Amino acid sequence: MGSFSIWHWLIVLLIVVMVFGTKKLKNMGSDLGGAVKGFKDGMKDGGATPEDKPATPPVTHQVNSAAAAEKNTIDVEAKTKS
């Protein structure tokens, strides 16, 4: 009584296919497979030593230029209201 027989699982599978359709189930399966593959690649890359990883240039110059651009902007609404 506690476990399901093969017939129960076949009925559940039939209902799921009728509700979602085969195309949507295929897309969900391929998305899940891609996520698992990405996770495995991430786990493999996460265990690499720092010498194995390529050096990336610092991004401080881009952040500083963006901060400088924000300093020079003028809020027009604030000027007209005051």
PDB file of N, CA and C in Angstrom:
ATOM      1  N   MET A   1       0.816  -1.187   0.000  1.00  0.00           N
ATOM      2  CA  MET A   1       0.000   0.000   0.000  1.00  0.00           C
ATOM      3  C   MET A   1       0.864   1.257   0.000  1.00  0.00           C
ATOM      4  N   GLY A   2       2.056   1.198   0.585  1.00  0.00           N
ATOM      5  CA  GLY A   2       2.910   2.371   0.683  1.00  0.00           C
ATOM      6  C   GLY A   2       3.670   2.667  -0.602  1.00  0.00           C
ATOM      7  N   SER A   3       3.901   1.679  -1.446  1.00  0.00           N
ATOM      8  CA  SER A   3       4.661   1.918  -2.671  1.00  0.00           C
ATOM      9  C   SER A   3       3.736   1.882  -3.883  1.00  0.00           C
ATOM     10  N   PHE A   4       4.173   2.576  -4.914  1.00  0.00           N
ATOM     11  CA  PHE A   4       3.384   2.618  -6.139  1.00  0.00           C
ATOM     12  C   PHE A   4       3.833   1.515  -7.083  1.00  0.00           C
ATOM     13  N   SER A   5       2.885   0.953  -7.798  1.00  0.00           N
ATOM     14  CA  SER A   5       3.225  -0.059  -8.786  1.00  0.00           C
ATOM     15  C   SER A   5       3.571   0.633 -10.110  1.00  0.00           C
ATOM     16  N   ILE A   6       3.983  -0.136 -11.074  1.00  0.00           N
ATOM     17  CA  ILE A   6       4.353   0.404 -12.387  1.00  0.00           C
ATOM     18  C   ILE A   6       3.150   1.058 -13.056  1.00  0.00           C
ATOM     19  N   TRP A   7       1.948   0.544 -12.804  1.00  0.00           N
ATOM     20  CA  TRP A   7       0.751   1.105 -13.420  1.00  0.00           C
ATOM     21  C   TRP A   7       0.450   2.503 -12.887  1.00  0.00           C
ATOM     22  N   HIS A   8       0.703   2.722 -11.621  1.00  0.00           N
ATOM     23  CA  HIS A   8       0.512   4.056 -11.062  1.00  0.00           C
ATOM     24  C   HIS A   8       1.450   5.060 -11.737  1.00  0.00           C
ATOM     25  N   TRP A   9       2.713   4.665 -11.894  1.00  0.00           N
ATOM     26  CA  TRP A   9       3.699   5.572 -12.518  1.00  0.00           C
ATOM     27  C   TRP A   9       3.370   5.827 -13.986  1.00  0.00           C
ATOM     28  N   LEU A  10       2.868   4.828 -14.687  1.00  0.00           N
ATOM     29  CA  LEU A  10       2.478   5.024 -16.087  1.00  0.00           C
ATOM     30  C   LEU A  10       1.297   5.981 -16.204  1.00  0.00           C
ATOM     31  N   ILE A  11       0.350   5.880 -15.302  1.00  0.00           N
ATOM     32  CA  ILE A  11      -0.792   6.800 -15.323  1.00  0.00           C
ATOM     33  C   ILE A  11      -0.334   8.228 -15.024  1.00  0.00           C
ATOM     34  N   VAL A  12       0.550   8.389 -14.040  1.00  0.00           N
ATOM     35  CA  VAL A  12       1.084   9.717 -13.715  1.00  0.00           C
ATOM     36  C   VAL A  12       1.851  10.284 -14.908  1.00  0.00           C
ATOM     37  N   LEU A  13       2.667   9.467 -15.556  1.00  0.00           N
ATOM     38  CA  LEU A  13       3.420   9.907 -16.729  1.00  0.00           C
ATOM     39  C   LEU A  13       2.484  10.319 -17.860  1.00  0.00           C
ATOM     40  N   LEU A  14       1.420   9.559 -18.079  1.00  0.00           N
ATOM     41  CA  LEU A  14       0.444   9.887 -19.116  1.00  0.00           C
ATOM     42  C   LEU A  14      -0.241  11.222 -18.826  1.00  0.00           C
ATOM     43  N   ILE A  15      -0.597  11.468 -17.579  1.00  0.00           N
ATOM     44  CA  ILE A  15      -1.245  12.730 -17.216  1.00  0.00           C
ATOM     45  C   ILE A  15      -0.284  13.904 -17.394  1.00  0.00           C
ATOM     46  N   VAL A  16       0.985  13.722 -17.003  1.00  0.00           N
ATOM     47  CA  VAL A  16       1.976  14.789 -17.166  1.00  0.00           C
ATOM     48  C   VAL A  16       2.170  15.115 -18.638  1.00  0.00           C
ATOM     49  N   VAL A  17       2.252  14.110 -19.494  1.00  0.00           N
ATOM     50  CA  VAL A  17       2.416  14.334 -20.934  1.00  0.00           C
ATOM     51  C   VAL A  17       1.190  15.032 -21.502  1.00  0.00           C
ATOM     52  N   MET A  18       0.003  14.663 -21.030  1.00  0.00           N
ATOM     53  CA  MET A  18      -1.211  15.310 -21.530  1.00  0.00           C
ATOM     54  C   MET A  18      -1.293  16.768 -21.086  1.00  0.00           C
ATOM     55  N   VAL A  19      -0.834  17.076 -19.886  1.00  0.00           N
ATOM     56  CA  VAL A  19      -0.922  18.441 -19.376  1.00  0.00           C
ATOM     57  C   VAL A  19       0.120  19.336 -20.036  1.00  0.00           C
ATOM     58  N   PHE A  20       1.380  18.893 -20.061  1.00  0.00           N
ATOM     59  CA  PHE A  20       2.461  19.741 -20.546  1.00  0.00           C
ATOM     60  C   PHE A  20       2.735  19.593 -22.034  1.00  0.00           C
ATOM     61  N   GLY A  21       2.511  18.451 -22.595  1.00  0.00           N
ATOM     62  CA  GLY A  21       2.819  18.213 -24.003  1.00  0.00           C
ATOM     63  C   GLY A  21       4.258  17.760 -24.164  1.00  0.00           C
ATOM     64  N   THR A  22       4.530  17.057 -25.250  1.00  0.00           N
ATOM     65  CA  THR A  22       5.855  16.484 -25.433  1.00  0.00           C
ATOM     66  C   THR A  22       6.901  17.544 -25.755  1.00  0.00           C
ATOM     67  N   LYS A  23       6.512  18.597 -26.478  1.00  0.00           N
ATOM     68  CA  LYS A  23       7.482  19.621 -26.857  1.00  0.00           C
ATOM     69  C   LYS A  23       7.990  20.373 -25.621  1.00  0.00           C
ATOM     70  N   LYS A  24       7.095  20.728 -24.730  1.00  0.00           N
ATOM     71  CA  LYS A  24       7.493  21.452 -23.525  1.00  0.00           C
ATOM     72  C   LYS A  24       8.337  20.555 -22.624  1.00  0.00           C
ATOM     73  N   LEU A  25       7.994  19.277 -22.525  1.00  0.00           N
ATOM     74  CA  LEU A  25       8.782  18.352 -21.721  1.00  0.00           C
ATOM     75  C   LEU A  25      10.184  18.174 -22.307  1.00  0.00           C
ATOM     76  N   LYS A  26      10.273  18.149 -23.645  1.00  0.00           N
ATOM     77  CA  LYS A  26      11.579  18.019 -24.294  1.00  0.00           C
ATOM     78  C   LYS A  26      12.430  19.253 -23.998  1.00  0.00           C
ATOM     79  N   ASN A  27      11.825  20.443 -24.079  1.00  0.00           N
ATOM     80  CA  ASN A  27      12.561  21.671 -23.788  1.00  0.00           C
ATOM     81  C   ASN A  27      13.009  21.717 -22.335  1.00  0.00           C
ATOM     82  N   MET A  28      12.144  21.291 -21.424  1.00  0.00           N
ATOM     83  CA  MET A  28      12.518  21.279 -20.012  1.00  0.00           C
ATOM     84  C   MET A  28      13.653  20.297 -19.760  1.00  0.00           C
ATOM     85  N   GLY A  29      13.628  19.166 -20.437  1.00  0.00           N
ATOM     86  CA  GLY A  29      14.697  18.176 -20.284  1.00  0.00           C
ATOM     87  C   GLY A  29      16.020  18.683 -20.798  1.00  0.00           C
ATOM     88  N   SER A  30      16.001  19.369 -21.944  1.00  0.00           N
ATOM     89  CA  SER A  30      17.260  19.890 -22.480  1.00  0.00           C
ATOM     90  C   SER A  30      17.789  21.037 -21.620  1.00  0.00           C
ATOM     91  N   ASP A  31      16.890  21.850 -21.065  1.00  0.00           N
ATOM     92  CA  ASP A  31      17.314  22.913 -20.152  1.00  0.00           C
ATOM     93  C   ASP A  31      17.930  22.339 -18.882  1.00  0.00           C
ATOM     94  N   LEU A  32      17.319  21.286 -18.362  1.00  0.00           N
ATOM     95  CA  LEU A  32      17.853  20.652 -17.165  1.00  0.00           C
ATOM     96  C   LEU A  32      19.208  20.018 -17.449  1.00  0.00           C
ATOM     97  N   GLY A  33      19.351  19.380 -18.604  1.00  0.00           N
ATOM     98  CA  GLY A  33      20.634  18.791 -18.978  1.00  0.00           C
ATOM     99  C   GLY A  33      21.725  19.851 -19.135  1.00  0.00           C
ATOM    100  N   GLY A  34      21.384  20.988 -19.726  1.00  0.00           N
ATOM    101  CA  GLY A  34      22.347  22.070 -19.870  1.00  0.00           C
ATOM    102  C   GLY A  34      22.752  22.646 -18.525  1.00  0.00           C
ATOM    103  N   ALA A  35      21.796  22.725 -17.596  1.00  0.00           N
ATOM    104  CA  ALA A  35      22.107  23.232 -16.259  1.00  0.00           C
ATOM    105  C   ALA A  35      23.031  22.281 -15.513  1.00  0.00           C
ATOM    106  N   VAL A  36      22.791  20.987 -15.638  1.00  0.00           N
ATOM    107  CA  VAL A  36      23.652  20.002 -14.983  1.00  0.00           C
ATOM    108  C   VAL A  36      25.047  20.045 -15.581  1.00  0.00           C
ATOM    109  N   LYS A  37      25.141  20.179 -16.903  1.00  0.00           N
ATOM    110  CA  LYS A  37      26.449  20.256 -17.555  1.00  0.00           C
ATOM    111  C   LYS A  37      27.195  21.514 -17.120  1.00  0.00           C
ATOM    112  N   GLY A  38      26.501  22.633 -17.044  1.00  0.00           N
ATOM    113  CA  GLY A  38      27.123  23.864 -16.577  1.00  0.00           C
ATOM    114  C   GLY A  38      27.583  23.755 -15.139  1.00  0.00           C
ATOM    115  N   PHE A  39      26.794  23.084 -14.301  1.00  0.00           N
ATOM    116  CA  PHE A  39      27.175  22.887 -12.904  1.00  0.00           C
ATOM    117  C   PHE A  39      28.430  22.031 -12.807  1.00  0.00           C
ATOM    118  N   LYS A  40      28.482  20.962 -13.593  1.00  0.00           N
ATOM    119  CA  LYS A  40      29.669  20.097 -13.564  1.00  0.00           C
ATOM    120  C   LYS A  40      30.902  20.847 -14.039  1.00  0.00           C
ATOM    121  N   ASP A  41      30.768  21.646 -15.094  1.00  0.00           N
ATOM    122  CA  ASP A  41      31.897  22.436 -15.578  1.00  0.00           C
ATOM    123  C   ASP A  41      32.339  23.454 -14.534  1.00  0.00           C
ATOM    124  N   GLY A  42      31.374  24.051 -13.857  1.00  0.00           N
ATOM    125  CA  GLY A  42      31.698  25.010 -12.809  1.00  0.00           C
ATOM    126  C   GLY A  42      32.411  24.359 -11.642  1.00  0.00           C
ATOM    127  N   MET A  43      32.004  23.159 -11.283  1.00  0.00           N
ATOM    128  CA  MET A  43      32.663  22.441 -10.191  1.00  0.00           C
ATOM    129  C   MET A  43      34.084  22.051 -10.590  1.00  0.00           C
ATOM    130  N   LYS A  44      34.257  21.695 -11.862  1.00  0.00           N
ATOM    131  CA  LYS A  44      35.581  21.319 -12.331  1.00  0.00           C
ATOM    132  C   LYS A  44      36.494  22.551 -12.356  1.00  0.00           C
ATOM    133  N   ASP A  45      35.979  23.689 -12.803  1.00  0.00           N
ATOM    134  CA  ASP A  45      36.759  24.918 -12.847  1.00  0.00           C
ATOM    135  C   ASP A  45      36.997  25.477 -11.454  1.00  0.00           C
ATOM    136  N   GLY A  46      36.103  25.232 -10.531  1.00  0.00           N
ATOM    137  CA  GLY A  46      36.243  25.743  -9.174  1.00  0.00           C
ATOM    138  C   GLY A  46      37.391  25.092  -8.437  1.00  0.00           C
ATOM    139  N   GLY A  47      37.753  23.878  -8.794  1.00  0.00           N
ATOM    140  CA  GLY A  47      38.849  23.180  -8.129  1.00  0.00           C
ATOM    141  C   GLY A  47      40.201  23.496  -8.729  1.00  0.00           C
ATOM    142  N   ALA A  48      40.253  24.308  -9.781  1.00  0.00           N
ATOM    143  CA  ALA A  48      41.525  24.626 -10.427  1.00  0.00           C
ATOM    144  C   ALA A  48      42.342  25.557  -9.547  1.00  0.00           C
ATOM    145  N   THR A  49      43.642  25.433  -9.627  1.00  0.00           N
ATOM    146  CA  THR A  49      44.526  26.301  -8.852  1.00  0.00           C
ATOM    147  C   THR A  49      44.617  27.665  -9.521  1.00  0.00           C
ATOM    148  N   PRO A  50      45.006  28.707  -8.791  1.00  0.00           N
ATOM    149  CA  PRO A  50      45.091  30.047  -9.386  1.00  0.00           C
ATOM    150  C   PRO A  50      46.082  30.135 -10.544  1.00  0.00           C
ATOM    151  N   GLU A  51      47.089  29.275 -10.568  1.00  0.00           N
ATOM    152  CA  GLU A  51      48.058  29.312 -11.669  1.00  0.00           C
ATOM    153  C   GLU A  51      47.433  28.839 -12.970  1.00  0.00           C
ATOM    154  N   ASP A  52      46.424  27.980 -12.868  1.00  0.00           N
ATOM    155  CA  ASP A  52      45.769  27.456 -14.062  1.00  0.00           C
ATOM    156  C   ASP A  52      44.840  28.478 -14.710  1.00  0.00           C
ATOM    157  N   LYS A  53      44.323  29.400 -13.916  1.00  0.00           N
ATOM    158  CA  LYS A  53      43.365  30.364 -14.443  1.00  0.00           C
ATOM    159  C   LYS A  53      44.098  31.515 -15.118  1.00  0.00           C
ATOM    160  N   PRO A  54      43.579  32.020 -16.247  1.00  0.00           N
ATOM    161  CA  PRO A  54      44.213  33.162 -16.896  1.00  0.00           C
ATOM    162  C   PRO A  54      44.001  34.430 -16.063  1.00  0.00           C
ATOM    163  N   ALA A  55      44.988  35.286 -16.081  1.00  0.00           N
ATOM    164  CA  ALA A  55      44.900  36.527 -15.322  1.00  0.00           C
ATOM    165  C   ALA A  55      43.959  37.493 -16.033  1.00  0.00           C
ATOM    166  N   THR A  56      43.098  38.130 -15.265  1.00  0.00           N
ATOM    167  CA  THR A  56      42.176  39.109 -15.829  1.00  0.00           C
ATOM    168  C   THR A  56      42.631  40.496 -15.411  1.00  0.00           C
ATOM    169  N   PRO A  57      42.549  41.461 -16.308  1.00  0.00           N
ATOM    170  CA  PRO A  57      42.977  42.809 -15.956  1.00  0.00           C
ATOM    171  C   PRO A  57      42.004  43.435 -14.957  1.00  0.00           C
ATOM    172  N   PRO A  58      42.473  44.288 -14.087  1.00  0.00           N
ATOM    173  CA  PRO A  58      41.570  44.923 -13.125  1.00  0.00           C
ATOM    174  C   PRO A  58      40.586  45.844 -13.833  1.00  0.00           C
ATOM    175  N   VAL A  59      39.424  46.014 -13.255  1.00  0.00           N
ATOM    176  CA  VAL A  59      38.355  46.775 -13.874  1.00  0.00           C
ATOM    177  C   VAL A  59      38.224  48.145 -13.205  1.00  0.00           C
ATOM    178  N   THR A  60      39.194  48.563 -12.435  1.00  0.00           N
ATOM    179  CA  THR A  60      39.083  49.797 -11.668  1.00  0.00           C
ATOM    180  C   THR A  60      38.993  51.024 -12.555  1.00  0.00           C
ATOM    181  N   HIS A  61      39.646  51.007 -13.714  1.00  0.00           N
ATOM    182  CA  HIS A  61      39.619  52.172 -14.593  1.00  0.00           C
ATOM    183  C   HIS A  61      38.204  52.439 -15.099  1.00  0.00           C
ATOM    184  N   GLN A  62      37.488  51.388 -15.458  1.00  0.00           N
ATOM    185  CA  GLN A  62      36.131  51.559 -15.952  1.00  0.00           C
ATOM    186  C   GLN A  62      35.205  52.053 -14.847  1.00  0.00           C
ATOM    187  N   VAL A  63      35.404  51.574 -13.639  1.00  0.00           N
ATOM    188  CA  VAL A  63      34.557  51.990 -12.530  1.00  0.00           C
ATOM    189  C   VAL A  63      34.828  53.457 -12.204  1.00  0.00           C
ATOM    190  N   ASN A  64      36.109  53.867 -12.229  1.00  0.00           N
ATOM    191  CA  ASN A  64      36.442  55.250 -11.920  1.00  0.00           C
ATOM    192  C   ASN A  64      35.876  56.204 -12.963  1.00  0.00           C
ATOM    193  N   SER A  65      35.920  55.824 -14.233  1.00  0.00           N
ATOM    194  CA  SER A  65      35.383  56.711 -15.262  1.00  0.00           C
ATOM    195  C   SER A  65      33.857  56.808 -15.148  1.00  0.00           C
ATOM    196  N   ALA A  66      33.214  55.724 -14.747  1.00  0.00           N
ATOM    197  CA  ALA A  66      31.764  55.767 -14.554  1.00  0.00           C
ATOM    198  C   ALA A  66      31.423  56.649 -13.354  1.00  0.00           C
ATOM    199  N   ALA A  67      32.228  56.577 -12.296  1.00  0.00           N
ATOM    200  CA  ALA A  67      31.979  57.410 -11.121  1.00  0.00           C
ATOM    201  C   ALA A  67      32.213  58.877 -11.455  1.00  0.00           C
ATOM    202  N   ALA A  68      33.224  59.166 -12.281  1.00  0.00           N
ATOM    203  CA  ALA A  68      33.491  60.547 -12.683  1.00  0.00           C
ATOM    204  C   ALA A  68      32.355  61.084 -13.543  1.00  0.00           C
ATOM    205  N   ALA A  69      31.788  60.251 -14.378  1.00  0.00           N
ATOM    206  CA  ALA A  69      30.677  60.685 -15.221  1.00  0.00           C
ATOM    207  C   ALA A  69      29.454  60.996 -14.366  1.00  0.00           C
ATOM    208  N   GLU A  70      29.255  60.236 -13.282  1.00  0.00           N
ATOM    209  CA  GLU A  70      28.128  60.505 -12.400  1.00  0.00           C
ATOM    210  C   GLU A  70      28.317  61.809 -11.628  1.00  0.00           C
ATOM    211  N   LYS A  71      29.545  62.170 -11.308  1.00  0.00           N
ATOM    212  CA  LYS A  71      29.806  63.416 -10.598  1.00  0.00           C
ATOM    213  C   LYS A  71      29.438  64.627 -11.452  1.00  0.00           C
ATOM    214  N   ASN A  72      29.631  64.530 -12.751  1.00  0.00           N
ATOM    215  CA  ASN A  72      29.417  65.660 -13.644  1.00  0.00           C
ATOM    216  C   ASN A  72      27.969  65.792 -14.114  1.00  0.00           C
ATOM    217  N   THR A  73      27.128  64.846 -13.799  1.00  0.00           N
ATOM    218  CA  THR A  73      25.739  64.947 -14.245  1.00  0.00           C
ATOM    219  C   THR A  73      24.982  65.927 -13.362  1.00  0.00           C
ATOM    220  N   ILE A  74      24.030  66.599 -13.960  1.00  0.00           N
ATOM    221  CA  ILE A  74      23.242  67.596 -13.251  1.00  0.00           C
ATOM    222  C   ILE A  74      21.791  67.163 -13.297  1.00  0.00           C
ATOM    223  N   ASP A  75      21.139  67.180 -12.149  1.00  0.00           N
ATOM    224  CA  ASP A  75      19.739  66.822 -12.073  1.00  0.00           C
ATOM    225  C   ASP A  75      18.914  68.049 -12.439  1.00  0.00           C
ATOM    226  N   VAL A  76      18.277  68.034 -13.578  1.00  0.00           N
ATOM    227  CA  VAL A  76      17.547  69.183 -14.087  1.00  0.00           C
ATOM    228  C   VAL A  76      16.324  69.458 -13.221  1.00  0.00           C
ATOM    229  N   GLU A  77      15.642  68.400 -12.787  1.00  0.00           N
ATOM    230  CA  GLU A  77      14.453  68.603 -11.967  1.00  0.00           C
ATOM    231  C   GLU A  77      14.789  69.297 -10.661  1.00  0.00           C
ATOM    232  N   ALA A  78      15.918  68.941 -10.062  1.00  0.00           N
ATOM    233  CA  ALA A  78      16.301  69.555  -8.799  1.00  0.00           C
ATOM    234  C   ALA A  78      16.599  71.037  -8.992  1.00  0.00           C
ATOM    235  N   LYS A  79      17.198  71.418 -10.126  1.00  0.00           N
ATOM    236  CA  LYS A  79      17.498  72.825 -10.373  1.00  0.00           C
ATOM    237  C   LYS A  79      16.238  73.639 -10.573  1.00  0.00           C
ATOM    238  N   THR A  80      15.270  73.091 -11.299  1.00  0.00           N
ATOM    239  CA  THR A  80      14.069  73.866 -11.600  1.00  0.00           C
ATOM    240  C   THR A  80      13.157  73.983 -10.390  1.00  0.00           C
ATOM    241  N   LYS A  81      13.160  73.019  -9.488  1.00  0.00           N
ATOM    242  CA  LYS A  81      12.292  73.048  -8.314  1.00  0.00           C
ATOM    243  C   LYS A  81      12.818  73.982  -7.244  1.00  0.00           C
ATOM    244  N   SER A  82      14.129  74.158  -7.150  1.00  0.00           N
ATOM    245  CA  SER A  82      14.663  74.978  -6.053  1.00  0.00           C
ATOM    246  C   SER A  82      14.874  76.407  -6.437  1.00  0.00           C
TER     247      SER A  82
END
